[in-house]
PDB file of N, CA and C in Angstrom:
ATOM      1  N   UNK A   1     -23.840  11.355   9.451  1.00  0.00           N
ATOM      2  CA  UNK A   1     -22.577  12.072   9.340  1.00  0.00           C
ATOM      3  C   UNK A   1     -21.488  11.386  10.154  1.00  0.00           C
ATOM      4  N   UNK A   2     -21.820  11.006  11.387  1.00  0.00           N
ATOM      5  CA  UNK A   2     -20.842  10.334  12.245  1.00  0.00           C
ATOM      6  C   UNK A   2     -20.462   8.989  11.639  1.00  0.00           C
ATOM      7  N   UNK A   3     -21.438   8.268  11.116  1.00  0.00           N
ATOM      8  CA  UNK A   3     -21.161   6.979  10.498  1.00  0.00           C
ATOM      9  C   UNK A   3     -20.211   7.139   9.320  1.00  0.00           C
ATOM     10  N   UNK A   4     -20.403   8.155   8.523  1.00  0.00           N
ATOM     11  CA  UNK A   4     -19.523   8.415   7.390  1.00  0.00           C
ATOM     12  C   UNK A   4     -18.095   8.672   7.848  1.00  0.00           C
ATOM     13  N   UNK A   5     -17.928   9.450   8.888  1.00  0.00           N
ATOM     14  CA  UNK A   5     -16.594   9.732   9.426  1.00  0.00           C
ATOM     15  C   UNK A   5     -15.930   8.466   9.946  1.00  0.00           C
ATOM     16  N   UNK A   6     -16.703   7.631  10.631  1.00  0.00           N
ATOM     17  CA  UNK A   6     -16.164   6.368  11.154  1.00  0.00           C
ATOM     18  C   UNK A   6     -15.738   5.467  10.012  1.00  0.00           C
ATOM     19  N   UNK A   7     -16.559   5.374   8.978  1.00  0.00           N
ATOM     20  CA  UNK A   7     -16.216   4.543   7.828  1.00  0.00           C
ATOM     21  C   UNK A   7     -14.961   5.041   7.123  1.00  0.00           C
ATOM     22  N   UNK A   8     -14.836   6.329   6.954  1.00  0.00           N
ATOM     23  CA  UNK A   8     -13.652   6.904   6.308  1.00  0.00           C
ATOM     24  C   UNK A   8     -12.400   6.654   7.137  1.00  0.00           C
ATOM     25  N   UNK A   9     -12.511   6.814   8.455  1.00  0.00           N
ATOM     26  CA  UNK A   9     -11.359   6.616   9.323  1.00  0.00           C
ATOM     27  C   UNK A   9     -10.917   5.159   9.317  1.00  0.00           C
ATOM     28  N   UNK A  10     -11.869   4.243   9.407  1.00  0.00           N
ATOM     29  CA  UNK A  10     -11.502   2.823   9.441  1.00  0.00           C
ATOM     30  C   UNK A  10     -10.909   2.399   8.108  1.00  0.00           C
ATOM     31  N   UNK A  11     -11.378   2.959   7.037  1.00  0.00           N
ATOM     32  CA  UNK A  11     -10.832   2.636   5.720  1.00  0.00           C
ATOM     33  C   UNK A  11      -9.403   3.156   5.595  1.00  0.00           C
ATOM     34  N   UNK A  12      -9.120   4.288   6.149  1.00  0.00           N
ATOM     35  CA  UNK A  12      -7.786   4.881   6.041  1.00  0.00           C
ATOM     36  C   UNK A  12      -6.734   4.063   6.784  1.00  0.00           C
ATOM     37  N   UNK A  13      -7.132   3.344   7.806  1.00  0.00           N
ATOM     38  CA  UNK A  13      -6.173   2.570   8.578  1.00  0.00           C
ATOM     39  C   UNK A  13      -5.748   1.292   7.874  1.00  0.00           C
ATOM     40  N   UNK A  14      -6.636   0.688   7.164  1.00  0.00           N
ATOM     41  CA  UNK A  14      -6.364  -0.614   6.568  1.00  0.00           C
ATOM     42  C   UNK A  14      -5.436  -0.504   5.376  1.00  0.00           C
ATOM     43  N   UNK A  15      -4.573  -1.481   5.270  1.00  0.00           N
ATOM     44  CA  UNK A  15      -3.680  -1.556   4.124  1.00  0.00           C
ATOM     45  C   UNK A  15      -3.791  -2.951   3.515  1.00  0.00           C
ATOM     46  N   UNK A  16      -4.995  -3.294   3.147  1.00  0.00           N
ATOM     47  CA  UNK A  16      -5.234  -4.559   2.469  1.00  0.00           C
ATOM     48  C   UNK A  16      -5.098  -4.300   0.976  1.00  0.00           C
ATOM     49  N   UNK A  17      -4.211  -5.029   0.370  1.00  0.00           N
ATOM     50  CA  UNK A  17      -3.816  -4.774  -1.007  1.00  0.00           C
ATOM     51  C   UNK A  17      -4.197  -5.937  -1.902  1.00  0.00           C
ATOM     52  N   UNK A  18      -4.664  -5.614  -3.101  1.00  0.00           N
ATOM     53  CA  UNK A  18      -4.933  -6.637  -4.112  1.00  0.00           C
ATOM     54  C   UNK A  18      -4.171  -6.253  -5.367  1.00  0.00           C
ATOM     55  N   UNK A  19      -3.438  -7.191  -5.902  1.00  0.00           N
ATOM     56  CA  UNK A  19      -2.649  -6.957  -7.106  1.00  0.00           C
ATOM     57  C   UNK A  19      -3.484  -7.309  -8.336  1.00  0.00           C
ATOM     58  N   UNK A  20      -3.751  -6.302  -9.168  1.00  0.00           N
ATOM     59  CA  UNK A  20      -4.564  -6.499 -10.375  1.00  0.00           C
ATOM     60  C   UNK A  20      -3.674  -6.809 -11.574  1.00  0.00           C
ATOM     61  N   UNK A  21      -4.288  -7.304 -12.643  1.00  0.00           N
ATOM     62  CA  UNK A  21      -3.534  -7.746 -13.816  1.00  0.00           C
ATOM     63  C   UNK A  21      -3.350  -6.678 -14.884  1.00  0.00           C
ATOM     64  N   UNK A  22      -4.111  -5.590 -14.783  1.00  0.00           N
ATOM     65  CA  UNK A  22      -4.024  -4.511 -15.773  1.00  0.00           C
ATOM     66  C   UNK A  22      -3.957  -3.163 -15.082  1.00  0.00           C
ATOM     67  N   UNK A  23      -3.230  -2.244 -15.662  1.00  0.00           N
ATOM     68  CA  UNK A  23      -3.043  -0.930 -15.035  1.00  0.00           C
ATOM     69  C   UNK A  23      -4.341  -0.146 -14.894  1.00  0.00           C
ATOM     70  N   UNK A  24      -5.265  -0.315 -15.846  1.00  0.00           N
ATOM     71  CA  UNK A  24      -6.514   0.445 -15.774  1.00  0.00           C
ATOM     72  C   UNK A  24      -7.395   0.021 -14.603  1.00  0.00           C
ATOM     73  N   UNK A  25      -7.152  -1.153 -14.034  1.00  0.00           N
ATOM     74  CA  UNK A  25      -7.926  -1.634 -12.897  1.00  0.00           C
ATOM     75  C   UNK A  25      -7.391  -1.099 -11.563  1.00  0.00           C
ATOM     76  N   UNK A  26      -6.216  -0.526 -11.580  1.00  0.00           N
ATOM     77  CA  UNK A  26      -5.513  -0.168 -10.341  1.00  0.00           C
ATOM     78  C   UNK A  26      -5.888   1.203  -9.811  1.00  0.00           C
ATOM     79  N   UNK A  27      -5.841   1.297  -8.488  1.00  0.00           N
ATOM     80  CA  UNK A  27      -5.936   2.592  -7.820  1.00  0.00           C
ATOM     81  C   UNK A  27      -4.573   3.275  -7.846  1.00  0.00           C
ATOM     82  N   UNK A  28      -3.528   2.461  -7.729  1.00  0.00           N
ATOM     83  CA  UNK A  28      -2.153   2.968  -7.665  1.00  0.00           C
ATOM     84  C   UNK A  28      -1.240   2.067  -8.482  1.00  0.00           C
ATOM     85  N   UNK A  29      -0.396   2.695  -9.305  1.00  0.00           N
ATOM     86  CA  UNK A  29       0.622   1.944 -10.045  1.00  0.00           C
ATOM     87  C   UNK A  29       1.917   1.986  -9.237  1.00  0.00           C
ATOM     88  N   UNK A  30       2.483   0.808  -8.999  1.00  0.00           N
ATOM     89  CA  UNK A  30       3.602   0.663  -8.077  1.00  0.00           C
ATOM     90  C   UNK A  30       4.829   0.104  -8.797  1.00  0.00           C
ATOM     91  N   UNK A  31       5.968   0.727  -8.504  1.00  0.00           N
ATOM     92  CA  UNK A  31       7.253   0.232  -8.993  1.00  0.00           C
ATOM     93  C   UNK A  31       8.043  -0.269  -7.785  1.00  0.00           C
ATOM     94  N   UNK A  32       8.624  -1.452  -7.914  1.00  0.00           N
ATOM     95  CA  UNK A  32       9.428  -2.007  -6.836  1.00  0.00           C
ATOM     96  C   UNK A  32      10.885  -1.610  -7.056  1.00  0.00           C
ATOM     97  N   UNK A  33      11.392  -0.803  -6.151  1.00  0.00           N
ATOM     98  CA  UNK A  33      12.765  -0.291  -6.239  1.00  0.00           C
ATOM     99  C   UNK A  33      13.762  -1.360  -5.791  1.00  0.00           C
ATOM    100  N   UNK A  34      14.959  -1.276  -6.334  1.00  0.00           N
ATOM    101  CA  UNK A  34      16.032  -2.207  -5.970  1.00  0.00           C
ATOM    102  C   UNK A  34      16.679  -1.849  -4.641  1.00  0.00           C
ATOM    103  N   UNK A  35      16.609  -0.562  -4.282  1.00  0.00           N
ATOM    104  CA  UNK A  35      17.279  -0.082  -3.073  1.00  0.00           C
ATOM    105  C   UNK A  35      16.310   0.772  -2.251  1.00  0.00           C
ATOM    106  N   UNK A  36      16.473   0.713  -0.952  1.00  0.00           N
ATOM    107  CA  UNK A  36      15.601   1.443  -0.035  1.00  0.00           C
ATOM    108  C   UNK A  36      15.613   2.951  -0.294  1.00  0.00           C
ATOM    109  N   UNK A  37      16.762   3.522  -0.592  1.00  0.00           N
ATOM    110  CA  UNK A  37      16.859   4.969  -0.774  1.00  0.00           C
ATOM    111  C   UNK A  37      16.085   5.463  -1.999  1.00  0.00           C
ATOM    112  N   UNK A  38      15.731   4.574  -2.918  1.00  0.00           N
ATOM    113  CA  UNK A  38      14.985   4.959  -4.121  1.00  0.00           C
ATOM    114  C   UNK A  38      13.472   5.011  -3.882  1.00  0.00           C
ATOM    115  N   UNK A  39      13.017   4.495  -2.760  1.00  0.00           N
ATOM    116  CA  UNK A  39      11.587   4.295  -2.518  1.00  0.00           C
ATOM    117  C   UNK A  39      10.907   5.490  -1.858  1.00  0.00           C
ATOM    118  N   UNK A  40       9.615   5.604  -2.148  1.00  0.00           N
ATOM    119  CA  UNK A  40       8.744   6.546  -1.448  1.00  0.00           C
ATOM    120  C   UNK A  40       8.238   5.910  -0.157  1.00  0.00           C
ATOM    121  N   UNK A  41       8.087   4.590  -0.198  1.00  0.00           N
ATOM    122  CA  UNK A  41       7.516   3.841   0.918  1.00  0.00           C
ATOM    123  C   UNK A  41       8.273   2.531   1.098  1.00  0.00           C
ATOM    124  N   UNK A  42       8.654   2.241   2.326  1.00  0.00           N
ATOM    125  CA  UNK A  42       9.247   0.954   2.658  1.00  0.00           C
ATOM    126  C   UNK A  42       8.102   0.063   3.137  1.00  0.00           C
ATOM    127  N   UNK A  43       7.930  -1.081   2.492  1.00  0.00           N
ATOM    128  CA  UNK A  43       6.790  -1.956   2.753  1.00  0.00           C
ATOM    129  C   UNK A  43       7.237  -3.255   3.405  1.00  0.00           C
ATOM    130  N   UNK A  44       6.499  -3.612   4.449  1.00  0.00           N
ATOM    131  CA  UNK A  44       6.655  -4.923   5.065  1.00  0.00           C
ATOM    132  C   UNK A  44       5.403  -5.722   4.715  1.00  0.00           C
ATOM    133  N   UNK A  45       5.592  -6.859   4.093  1.00  0.00           N
ATOM    134  CA  UNK A  45       4.473  -7.711   3.691  1.00  0.00           C
ATOM    135  C   UNK A  45       4.180  -8.693   4.823  1.00  0.00           C
ATOM    136  N   UNK A  46       2.963  -8.600   5.370  1.00  0.00           N
ATOM    137  CA  UNK A  46       2.561  -9.483   6.463  1.00  0.00           C
ATOM    138  C   UNK A  46       1.623 -10.562   5.944  1.00  0.00           C
ATOM    139  N   UNK A  47       1.630 -11.689   6.599  1.00  0.00           N
ATOM    140  CA  UNK A  47       0.704 -12.761   6.231  1.00  0.00           C
ATOM    141  C   UNK A  47      -0.491 -12.824   7.181  1.00  0.00           C
ATOM    142  N   UNK A  48      -0.599 -11.814   8.037  1.00  0.00           N
ATOM    143  CA  UNK A  48      -1.692 -11.755   9.004  1.00  0.00           C
ATOM    144  C   UNK A  48      -2.591 -10.543   8.735  1.00  0.00           C
ATOM    145  N   UNK A  49      -3.825 -10.825   8.436  1.00  0.00           N
ATOM    146  CA  UNK A  49      -4.814  -9.801   8.116  1.00  0.00           C
ATOM    147  C   UNK A  49      -4.916  -8.736   9.209  1.00  0.00           C
ATOM    148  N   UNK A  50      -4.958  -9.142  10.460  1.00  0.00           N
ATOM    149  CA  UNK A  50      -5.139  -8.194  11.562  1.00  0.00           C
ATOM    150  C   UNK A  50      -3.961  -7.232  11.710  1.00  0.00           C
ATOM    151  N   UNK A  51      -2.781  -7.591  11.279  1.00  0.00           N
ATOM    152  CA  UNK A  51      -1.612  -6.696  11.348  1.00  0.00           C
ATOM    153  C   UNK A  51      -1.780  -5.528  10.378  1.00  0.00           C
ATOM    154  N   UNK A  52      -2.358  -5.762   9.260  1.00  0.00           N
ATOM    155  CA  UNK A  52      -2.572  -4.703   8.273  1.00  0.00           C
ATOM    156  C   UNK A  52      -3.569  -3.679   8.799  1.00  0.00           C
ATOM    157  N   UNK A  53      -4.581  -4.103   9.501  1.00  0.00           N
ATOM    158  CA  UNK A  53      -5.592  -3.186  10.032  1.00  0.00           C
ATOM    159  C   UNK A  53      -4.997  -2.191  11.018  1.00  0.00           C
ATOM    160  N   UNK A  54      -3.960  -2.576  11.692  1.00  0.00           N
ATOM    161  CA  UNK A  54      -3.361  -1.712  12.697  1.00  0.00           C
ATOM    162  C   UNK A  54      -2.206  -0.876  12.151  1.00  0.00           C
ATOM    163  N   UNK A  55      -1.940  -1.002  10.887  1.00  0.00           N
ATOM    164  CA  UNK A  55      -0.757  -0.342  10.323  1.00  0.00           C
ATOM    165  C   UNK A  55      -0.924   1.159  10.132  1.00  0.00           C
ATOM    166  N   UNK A  56      -2.168   1.632   9.999  1.00  0.00           N
ATOM    167  CA  UNK A  56      -2.438   3.064   9.850  1.00  0.00           C
ATOM    168  C   UNK A  56      -1.631   3.708   8.733  1.00  0.00           C
ATOM    169  N   UNK A  57      -1.589   3.051   7.594  1.00  0.00           N
ATOM    170  CA  UNK A  57      -0.887   3.583   6.423  1.00  0.00           C
ATOM    171  C   UNK A  57       0.598   3.791   6.715  1.00  0.00           C
ATOM    172  N   UNK A  58       1.208   2.802   7.320  1.00  0.00           N
ATOM    173  CA  UNK A  58       2.626   2.886   7.659  1.00  0.00           C
ATOM    174  C   UNK A  58       3.472   1.883   6.896  1.00  0.00           C
ATOM    175  N   UNK A  59       2.912   1.307   5.844  1.00  0.00           N
ATOM    176  CA  UNK A  59       3.709   0.415   5.015  1.00  0.00           C
ATOM    177  C   UNK A  59       3.640  -1.045   5.386  1.00  0.00           C
ATOM    178  N   UNK A  60       2.681  -1.429   6.208  1.00  0.00           N
ATOM    179  CA  UNK A  60       2.481  -2.845   6.492  1.00  0.00           C
ATOM    180  C   UNK A  60       1.309  -3.299   5.627  1.00  0.00           C
ATOM    181  N   UNK A  61       1.624  -4.126   4.641  1.00  0.00           N
ATOM    182  CA  UNK A  61       0.633  -4.547   3.654  1.00  0.00           C
ATOM    183  C   UNK A  61       0.273  -6.009   3.818  1.00  0.00           C
ATOM    184  N   UNK A  62      -1.017  -6.282   3.666  1.00  0.00           N
ATOM    185  CA  UNK A  62      -1.526  -7.642   3.603  1.00  0.00           C
ATOM    186  C   UNK A  62      -2.143  -7.814   2.221  1.00  0.00           C
ATOM    187  N   UNK A  63      -1.644  -8.780   1.459  1.00  0.00           N
ATOM    188  CA  UNK A  63      -2.168  -9.030   0.118  1.00  0.00           C
ATOM    189  C   UNK A  63      -3.350  -9.992   0.201  1.00  0.00           C
ATOM    190  N   UNK A  64      -4.509  -9.506  -0.240  1.00  0.00           N
ATOM    191  CA  UNK A  64      -5.720 -10.318  -0.235  1.00  0.00           C
ATOM    192  C   UNK A  64      -5.777 -11.187  -1.487  1.00  0.00           C
ATOM    193  N   UNK A  65      -6.561 -12.231  -1.394  1.00  0.00           N
ATOM    194  CA  UNK A  65      -6.751 -13.104  -2.556  1.00  0.00           C
ATOM    195  C   UNK A  65      -8.008 -12.739  -3.328  1.00  0.00           C
ATOM    196  N   UNK A  66      -8.828 -11.890  -2.746  1.00  0.00           N
ATOM    197  CA  UNK A  66     -10.074 -11.454  -3.380  1.00  0.00           C
ATOM    198  C   UNK A  66     -10.078  -9.934  -3.520  1.00  0.00           C
ATOM    199  N   UNK A  67     -10.440  -9.467  -4.689  1.00  0.00           N
ATOM    200  CA  UNK A  67     -10.440  -8.027  -4.962  1.00  0.00           C
ATOM    201  C   UNK A  67     -11.364  -7.258  -4.020  1.00  0.00           C
ATOM    202  N   UNK A  68     -12.516  -7.809  -3.719  1.00  0.00           N
ATOM    203  CA  UNK A  68     -13.486  -7.103  -2.870  1.00  0.00           C
ATOM    204  C   UNK A  68     -13.007  -6.920  -1.433  1.00  0.00           C
ATOM    205  N   UNK A  69     -12.005  -7.664  -1.007  1.00  0.00           N
ATOM    206  CA  UNK A  69     -11.477  -7.532   0.347  1.00  0.00           C
ATOM    207  C   UNK A  69     -10.460  -6.389   0.471  1.00  0.00           C
ATOM    208  N   UNK A  70      -9.998  -5.900  -0.645  1.00  0.00           N
ATOM    209  CA  UNK A  70      -8.899  -4.928  -0.649  1.00  0.00           C
ATOM    210  C   UNK A  70      -9.373  -3.504  -0.432  1.00  0.00           C
ATOM    211  N   UNK A  71      -8.502  -2.734   0.191  1.00  0.00           N
ATOM    212  CA  UNK A  71      -8.721  -1.296   0.328  1.00  0.00           C
ATOM    213  C   UNK A  71      -8.073  -0.549  -0.825  1.00  0.00           C
ATOM    214  N   UNK A  72      -7.029  -1.133  -1.375  1.00  0.00           N
ATOM    215  CA  UNK A  72      -6.357  -0.545  -2.538  1.00  0.00           C
ATOM    216  C   UNK A  72      -6.007  -1.640  -3.519  1.00  0.00           C
ATOM    217  N   UNK A  73      -6.229  -1.327  -4.796  1.00  0.00           N
ATOM    218  CA  UNK A  73      -5.818  -2.231  -5.870  1.00  0.00           C
ATOM    219  C   UNK A  73      -4.563  -1.633  -6.495  1.00  0.00           C
ATOM    220  N   UNK A  74      -3.528  -2.453  -6.600  1.00  0.00           N
ATOM    221  CA  UNK A  74      -2.270  -1.973  -7.162  1.00  0.00           C
ATOM    222  C   UNK A  74      -1.902  -2.777  -8.400  1.00  0.00           C
ATOM    223  N   UNK A  75      -1.173  -2.111  -9.271  1.00  0.00           N
ATOM    224  CA  UNK A  75      -0.609  -2.762 -10.452  1.00  0.00           C
ATOM    225  C   UNK A  75       0.885  -2.511 -10.414  1.00  0.00           C
ATOM    226  N   UNK A  76       1.656  -3.570 -10.491  1.00  0.00           N
ATOM    227  CA  UNK A  76       3.105  -3.450 -10.453  1.00  0.00           C
ATOM    228  C   UNK A  76       3.633  -3.201 -11.868  1.00  0.00           C
ATOM    229  N   UNK A  77       4.293  -2.064 -12.043  1.00  0.00           N
ATOM    230  CA  UNK A  77       4.819  -1.670 -13.351  1.00  0.00           C
ATOM    231  C   UNK A  77       6.285  -2.079 -13.471  1.00  0.00           C
ATOM    232  N   UNK A  78       6.750  -2.123 -14.711  1.00  0.00           N
ATOM    233  CA  UNK A  78       8.126  -2.545 -14.983  1.00  0.00           C
ATOM    234  C   UNK A  78       9.135  -1.405 -14.936  1.00  0.00           C
ATOM    235  N   UNK A  79       8.640  -0.186 -15.124  1.00  0.00           N
ATOM    236  CA  UNK A  79       9.545   0.955 -15.215  1.00  0.00           C
ATOM    237  C   UNK A  79       9.156   2.037 -14.206  1.00  0.00           C
ATOM    238  N   UNK A  80      10.145   2.656 -13.625  1.00  0.00           N
ATOM    239  CA  UNK A  80       9.946   3.673 -12.601  1.00  0.00           C
ATOM    240  C   UNK A  80       9.069   4.825 -13.088  1.00  0.00           C
ATOM    241  N   UNK A  81       9.260   5.261 -14.322  1.00  0.00           N
ATOM    242  CA  UNK A  81       8.510   6.413 -14.847  1.00  0.00           C
ATOM    243  C   UNK A  81       7.008   6.133 -14.987  1.00  0.00           C
ATOM    244  N   UNK A  82       6.612   4.861 -14.961  1.00  0.00           N
ATOM    245  CA  UNK A  82       5.195   4.502 -15.076  1.00  0.00           C
ATOM    246  C   UNK A  82       4.464   4.533 -13.729  1.00  0.00           C
ATOM    247  N   UNK A  83       5.215   4.654 -12.652  1.00  0.00           N
ATOM    248  CA  UNK A  83       4.660   4.470 -11.316  1.00  0.00           C
ATOM    249  C   UNK A  83       4.126   5.747 -10.681  1.00  0.00           C
ATOM    250  N   UNK A  84       3.087   5.559  -9.879  1.00  0.00           N
ATOM    251  CA  UNK A  84       2.603   6.607  -8.990  1.00  0.00           C
ATOM    252  C   UNK A  84       3.393   6.563  -7.688  1.00  0.00           C
ATOM    253  N   UNK A  85       3.823   5.344  -7.319  1.00  0.00           N
ATOM    254  CA  UNK A  85       4.456   5.110  -6.035  1.00  0.00           C
ATOM    255  C   UNK A  85       5.602   4.116  -6.200  1.00  0.00           C
ATOM    256  N   UNK A  86       6.745   4.442  -5.589  1.00  0.00           N
ATOM    257  CA  UNK A  86       7.898   3.535  -5.599  1.00  0.00           C
ATOM    258  C   UNK A  86       8.021   2.924  -4.217  1.00  0.00           C
ATOM    259  N   UNK A  87       8.081   1.584  -4.173  1.00  0.00           N
ATOM    260  CA  UNK A  87       8.183   0.888  -2.893  1.00  0.00           C
ATOM    261  C   UNK A  87       9.422   0.005  -2.872  1.00  0.00           C
ATOM    262  N   UNK A  88       9.861  -0.253  -1.665  1.00  0.00           N
ATOM    263  CA  UNK A  88      10.933  -1.209  -1.438  1.00  0.00           C
ATOM    264  C   UNK A  88      10.426  -2.181  -0.380  1.00  0.00           C
ATOM    265  N   UNK A  89      10.497  -3.469  -0.664  1.00  0.00           N
ATOM    266  CA  UNK A  89      10.033  -4.478   0.286  1.00  0.00           C
ATOM    267  C   UNK A  89      11.156  -4.846   1.239  1.00  0.00           C
ATOM    268  N   UNK A  90      10.841  -4.827   2.530  1.00  0.00           N
ATOM    269  CA  UNK A  90      11.791  -5.180   3.575  1.00  0.00           C
ATOM    270  C   UNK A  90      11.312  -6.427   4.299  1.00  0.00           C
ATOM    271  N   UNK A  91      12.229  -7.136   4.906  1.00  0.00           N
ATOM    272  CA  UNK A  91      11.844  -8.302   5.691  1.00  0.00           C
ATOM    273  C   UNK A  91      11.782  -7.996   7.188  1.00  0.00           C
ATOM    274  N   UNK A  92      11.947  -6.735   7.538  1.00  0.00           N
ATOM    275  CA  UNK A  92      11.888  -6.284   8.935  1.00  0.00           C
ATOM    276  C   UNK A  92      10.711  -5.320   9.103  1.00  0.00           C
ATOM    277  N   UNK A  93       9.772  -5.687   9.950  1.00  0.00           N
ATOM    278  CA  UNK A  93       8.577  -4.859  10.134  1.00  0.00           C
ATOM    279  C   UNK A  93       8.907  -3.456  10.633  1.00  0.00           C
ATOM    280  N   UNK A  94       9.864  -3.331  11.524  1.00  0.00           N
ATOM    281  CA  UNK A  94      10.206  -2.019  12.087  1.00  0.00           C
ATOM    282  C   UNK A  94      10.768  -1.051  11.043  1.00  0.00           C
ATOM    283  N   UNK A  95      11.215  -1.549   9.905  1.00  0.00           N
ATOM    284  CA  UNK A  95      11.764  -0.690   8.848  1.00  0.00           C
ATOM    285  C   UNK A  95      10.669  -0.065   7.981  1.00  0.00           C
ATOM    286  N   UNK A  96       9.452  -0.587   8.057  1.00  0.00           N
ATOM    287  CA  UNK A  96       8.347  -0.098   7.225  1.00  0.00           C
ATOM    288  C   UNK A  96       8.020   1.351   7.559  1.00  0.00           C
ATOM    289  N   UNK A  97       7.712   2.121   6.525  1.00  0.00           N
ATOM    290  CA  UNK A  97       7.312   3.507   6.737  1.00  0.00           C
ATOM    291  C   UNK A  97       7.539   4.360   5.510  1.00  0.00           C
ATOM    292  N   UNK A  98       7.024   5.570   5.590  1.00  0.00           N
ATOM    293  CA  UNK A  98       7.100   6.515   4.475  1.00  0.00           C
ATOM    294  C   UNK A  98       8.434   7.238   4.455  1.00  0.00           C
ATOM    295  N   UNK A  99       9.007   7.359   3.278  1.00  0.00           N
ATOM    296  CA  UNK A  99      10.207   8.160   3.050  1.00  0.00           C
ATOM    297  C   UNK A  99       9.825   9.512   2.448  1.00  0.00           C
ATOM    298  N   UNK A 100       8.708   9.523   1.716  1.00  0.00           N
ATOM    299  CA  UNK A 100       8.208  10.751   1.089  1.00  0.00           C
ATOM    300  C   UNK A 100       6.738  10.917   1.465  1.00  0.00           C
ATOM    301  N   UNK A 101       6.494  11.798   2.423  1.00  0.00           N
ATOM    302  CA  UNK A 101       5.136  11.990   2.919  1.00  0.00           C
ATOM    303  C   UNK A 101       4.177  12.561   1.889  1.00  0.00           C
ATOM    304  N   UNK A 102       4.680  13.215   0.856  1.00  0.00           N
ATOM    305  CA  UNK A 102       3.795  13.783  -0.156  1.00  0.00           C
ATOM    306  C   UNK A 102       3.079  12.689  -0.961  1.00  0.00           C
ATOM    307  N   UNK A 103       3.571  11.474  -0.916  1.00  0.00           N
ATOM    308  CA  UNK A 103       2.942  10.350  -1.610  1.00  0.00           C
ATOM    309  C   UNK A 103       1.935   9.606  -0.726  1.00  0.00           C
ATOM    310  N   UNK A 104       1.915   9.920   0.535  1.00  0.00           N
ATOM    311  CA  UNK A 104       1.068   9.233   1.514  1.00  0.00           C
ATOM    312  C   UNK A 104      -0.418   9.214   1.127  1.00  0.00           C
ATOM    313  N   UNK A 105      -0.974  10.300   0.582  1.00  0.00           N
ATOM    314  CA  UNK A 105      -2.401  10.280   0.211  1.00  0.00           C
ATOM    315  C   UNK A 105      -2.761   9.214  -0.822  1.00  0.00           C
ATOM    316  N   UNK A 106      -1.802   8.718  -1.567  1.00  0.00           N
ATOM    317  CA  UNK A 106      -2.104   7.677  -2.548  1.00  0.00           C
ATOM    318  C   UNK A 106      -2.665   6.414  -1.914  1.00  0.00           C
ATOM    319  N   UNK A 107      -2.303   6.163  -0.669  1.00  0.00           N
ATOM    320  CA  UNK A 107      -2.721   4.932  -0.017  1.00  0.00           C
ATOM    321  C   UNK A 107      -3.882   5.118   0.958  1.00  0.00           C
ATOM    322  N   UNK A 108      -4.477   6.310   0.975  1.00  0.00           N
ATOM    323  CA  UNK A 108      -5.678   6.512   1.804  1.00  0.00           C
ATOM    324  C   UNK A 108      -6.915   6.184   1.011  1.00  0.00           C
TER     325      UNK A 108
END
């Protein structure tokens, strides 16, 4: 029981993302917004694996090159109405975070 709780908690912290080629393969369908105010989540893309582990679902994403390394598989859609989650990519780490907390469970 304790091991299960530890595994669930450690999984919830990681934001390792893999971009899939088809929507049916995805855990979450994502639309990239043009403006920050349109987004549910402001995302900072890091190139360091260890930074994603410490993000605790706060919008710091590390894109993996292997599907098995990812905690979430995403598919980027072309239209807002197709998305489960709308994100805006920022180049400032401190700007990353949730704008709509009701969407937060999508990334756990």
